């Protein structure tokens, strides 16, 4: 442990000496997920991009952002070590088998949204009993209760690659409900007046959010360095999210 701590301090102390000791490939599938990620001519902007850049600013790591078709594809690329980092990730036991998780850098609340004419429901089981449909992100994690619902009623869960496509489908009543991060959802509600929050249900899931790091390309010393970077930039990260 002392040796690892020494290595971490050595790396951190060398930030100004080595401009770019290692380039980390950062993958995401989101192209229109305001305020977190917005792609303009394949250049990524948004709050989450600002936070990731803030974490690694002045570090020995350079970043290369990569757009992928789905979050499931991003996780597969991470598993094989073809990308190094996925941001905005929740911890699951399956993901821990092939990835390290950084210390948390924000919290996330997932809520249920509906087409305006869809009925208010009290729990996910009502979707099955009323023969309704629910749009979710392919490869995304929404907590244990949703995982059980998806396993029991797969025909009622429509998996889609990105948030903007889920809300576009919901606004046209091609699905009855969708699950989304409450901050991002507010942007889509402003665009689609036919969509509203399901107020009769509590949040679908609340979880801490982390950087997900490939075990094939990131070592323990680098993980410790990244955690130290998050700690050092905590106030700057908080200030970015306070602007939302």
Foldseek 3Di string as FASTA:
>chain_A
DVVLVVLLVVQAVCLVVAVAPEEAEEEDAEQDQPQAWHADVNDIDHLVVVLVCQLCVSGNYHYDYDHDNAVVVVLVCLQVVVGFKYWQAFDDPVLVVWWDWAPFQFKWFKFKKFQQPFDQDQDPVVCVVVVFAEEEAVPHDQDDVVVVVCVVCVVRYHHDGYDVVRLVCRLVPVGTMYMDTPVSVVVSCVVRVRMDTRPNYDTSDMGTITMIGGPVHDDPSNSVNSNVSSVVCNVVSVVSVVVD
